[in-house]
Amino acid sequence: MDGFDNLSASEKAEATELQRLIAIEQQKAQFQAQVHNFTDVCWDKCVDSPGSKLDYRTETCLVSCVERFIDTTLTITNRFTQMVQKGTH
């Protein structure tokens, strides 16, 4: 039972579309939260004293920090995907 049994076909389609839009918005929120996390951690790690512009060392540190976070996130995501796929076969 999916909770849509008493709905017309058009109402079911609307409900399905609404669920899809909600899922998209949740993904956007997760992405924004991840960006916020990168910003906090990398800022604390790389920026000694804020100025009017970033010096080369600070910019390089920030880029490297974010790239490490992205690589780590992708590695963990891929590992979980592999675990789930092995568990379903």
C-alpha atoms as a PDB file:
ATOM      1  CA  MET A   1       0.000   0.000   0.000  1.00  0.00           C
ATOM      2  CA  ASP A   2       1.512   3.330  -1.032  1.00  0.00           C
ATOM      3  CA  GLY A   3      -1.054   5.679   0.532  1.00  0.00           C
ATOM      4  CA  PHE A   4      -2.231   6.795  -2.918  1.00  0.00           C
ATOM      5  CA  ASP A   5      -4.928   4.120  -3.386  1.00  0.00           C
ATOM      6  CA  ASN A   6      -7.870   6.518  -3.059  1.00  0.00           C
ATOM      7  CA  LEU A   7      -6.456   9.139  -5.452  1.00  0.00           C
ATOM      8  CA  SER A   8      -7.295   9.635  -9.116  1.00  0.00           C
ATOM      9  CA  ALA A   9      -4.604   9.103 -11.742  1.00  0.00           C
ATOM     10  CA  SER A  10      -3.953  12.848 -12.039  1.00  0.00           C
ATOM     11  CA  GLU A  11      -3.759  13.220  -8.249  1.00  0.00           C
ATOM     12  CA  LYS A  12      -1.304  10.304  -8.094  1.00  0.00           C
ATOM     13  CA  ALA A  13       0.802  11.955 -10.793  1.00  0.00           C
ATOM     14  CA  GLU A  14       0.769  15.244  -8.879  1.00  0.00           C
ATOM     15  CA  ALA A  15       1.718  13.486  -5.632  1.00  0.00           C
ATOM     16  CA  THR A  16       4.556  11.645  -7.377  1.00  0.00           C
ATOM     17  CA  GLU A  17       5.818  14.897  -8.895  1.00  0.00           C
ATOM     18  CA  LEU A  18       5.631  16.587  -5.504  1.00  0.00           C
ATOM     19  CA  GLN A  19       7.683  13.762  -3.965  1.00  0.00           C
ATOM     20  CA  ARG A  20      10.257  14.164  -6.747  1.00  0.00           C
ATOM     21  CA  LEU A  21      10.493  17.918  -6.155  1.00  0.00           C
ATOM     22  CA  ILE A  22      10.866  17.395  -2.415  1.00  0.00           C
ATOM     23  CA  ALA A  23      13.685  14.901  -3.025  1.00  0.00           C
ATOM     24  CA  ILE A  24      15.451  17.428  -5.279  1.00  0.00           C
ATOM     25  CA  GLU A  25      15.135  20.143  -2.637  1.00  0.00           C
ATOM     26  CA  GLN A  26      16.504  17.766   0.008  1.00  0.00           C
ATOM     27  CA  GLN A  27      19.507  17.056  -2.219  1.00  0.00           C
ATOM     28  CA  LYS A  28      20.071  20.794  -2.679  1.00  0.00           C
ATOM     29  CA  ALA A  29      19.917  21.300   1.099  1.00  0.00           C
ATOM     30  CA  GLN A  30      22.437  18.482   1.644  1.00  0.00           C
ATOM     31  CA  PHE A  31      24.753  20.028  -0.929  1.00  0.00           C
ATOM     32  CA  GLN A  32      24.499  23.443   0.743  1.00  0.00           C
ATOM     33  CA  ALA A  33      25.201  21.887   4.141  1.00  0.00           C
ATOM     34  CA  GLN A  34      28.290  20.176   2.716  1.00  0.00           C
ATOM     35  CA  VAL A  35      29.536  23.442   1.198  1.00  0.00           C
ATOM     36  CA  HIS A  36      28.971  25.156   4.548  1.00  0.00           C
ATOM     37  CA  ASN A  37      30.968  22.411   6.275  1.00  0.00           C
ATOM     38  CA  PHE A  38      33.834  22.772   3.746  1.00  0.00           C
ATOM     39  CA  THR A  39      33.844  26.511   4.285  1.00  0.00           C
ATOM     40  CA  ASP A  40      33.982  26.265   8.068  1.00  0.00           C
ATOM     41  CA  VAL A  41      36.679  23.611   8.279  1.00  0.00           C
ATOM     42  CA  CYS A  42      38.878  24.978   5.507  1.00  0.00           C
ATOM     43  CA  TRP A  43      38.536  28.573   6.705  1.00  0.00           C
ATOM     44  CA  ASP A  44      39.637  27.601  10.214  1.00  0.00           C
ATOM     45  CA  LYS A  45      42.532  25.556   8.826  1.00  0.00           C
ATOM     46  CA  CYS A  46      43.817  27.979   6.184  1.00  0.00           C
ATOM     47  CA  VAL A  47      42.984  31.574   7.071  1.00  0.00           C
ATOM     48  CA  ASP A  48      45.189  33.103   9.752  1.00  0.00           C
ATOM     49  CA  SER A  49      43.914  36.666   9.520  1.00  0.00           C
ATOM     50  CA  PRO A  50      41.363  37.819   6.959  1.00  0.00           C
ATOM     51  CA  GLY A  51      42.395  40.668   4.706  1.00  0.00           C
ATOM     52  CA  SER A  52      41.043  42.445   1.678  1.00  0.00           C
ATOM     53  CA  LYS A  53      42.203  39.565  -0.566  1.00  0.00           C
ATOM     54  CA  LEU A  54      43.660  36.091  -0.227  1.00  0.00           C
ATOM     55  CA  ASP A  55      47.381  35.617  -0.493  1.00  0.00           C
ATOM     56  CA  TYR A  56      48.784  32.774  -2.585  1.00  0.00           C
ATOM     57  CA  ARG A  57      49.430  30.481   0.396  1.00  0.00           C
ATOM     58  CA  THR A  58      45.904  30.895   1.766  1.00  0.00           C
ATOM     59  CA  GLU A  59      44.296  30.388  -1.630  1.00  0.00           C
ATOM     60  CA  THR A  60      46.373  27.265  -2.276  1.00  0.00           C
ATOM     61  CA  CYS A  61      45.510  25.899   1.174  1.00  0.00           C
ATOM     62  CA  LEU A  62      41.778  26.502   0.659  1.00  0.00           C
ATOM     63  CA  VAL A  63      41.783  24.813  -2.765  1.00  0.00           C
ATOM     64  CA  SER A  64      43.740  21.849  -1.452  1.00  0.00           C
ATOM     65  CA  CYS A  65      41.500  21.528   1.611  1.00  0.00           C
ATOM     66  CA  VAL A  66      38.282  21.505  -0.418  1.00  0.00           C
ATOM     67  CA  GLU A  67      39.745  19.055  -2.943  1.00  0.00           C
ATOM     68  CA  ARG A  68      40.673  16.668  -0.107  1.00  0.00           C
ATOM     69  CA  PHE A  69      37.124  16.899   1.278  1.00  0.00           C
ATOM     70  CA  ILE A  70      35.636  16.195  -2.147  1.00  0.00           C
ATOM     71  CA  ASP A  71      37.983  13.248  -2.749  1.00  0.00           C
ATOM     72  CA  THR A  72      37.184  11.817   0.676  1.00  0.00           C
ATOM     73  CA  THR A  73      33.436  12.260   0.201  1.00  0.00           C
ATOM     74  CA  LEU A  74      33.576  10.537  -3.195  1.00  0.00           C
ATOM     75  CA  THR A  75      35.654   7.674  -1.799  1.00  0.00           C
ATOM     76  CA  ILE A  76      33.237   7.113   1.083  1.00  0.00           C
ATOM     77  CA  THR A  77      30.211   7.367  -1.215  1.00  0.00           C
ATOM     78  CA  ASN A  78      31.712   4.870  -3.661  1.00  0.00           C
ATOM     79  CA  ARG A  79      32.565   2.489  -0.829  1.00  0.00           C
ATOM     80  CA  PHE A  80      29.021   2.609   0.557  1.00  0.00           C
ATOM     81  CA  THR A  81      27.653   2.043  -2.947  1.00  0.00           C
ATOM     82  CA  GLN A  82      29.851  -1.033  -3.315  1.00  0.00           C
ATOM     83  CA  MET A  83      28.728  -2.335   0.075  1.00  0.00           C
ATOM     84  CA  VAL A  84      25.054  -1.855  -0.807  1.00  0.00           C
ATOM     85  CA  GLN A  85      25.491  -3.527  -4.198  1.00  0.00           C
ATOM     86  CA  LYS A  86      27.259  -6.515  -2.622  1.00  0.00           C
ATOM     87  CA  GLY A  87      24.516  -6.772  -0.026  1.00  0.00           C
ATOM     88  CA  THR A  88      21.767  -6.928  -2.663  1.00  0.00           C
ATOM     89  CA  HIS A  89      23.380  -9.603  -4.838  1.00  0.00           C
END
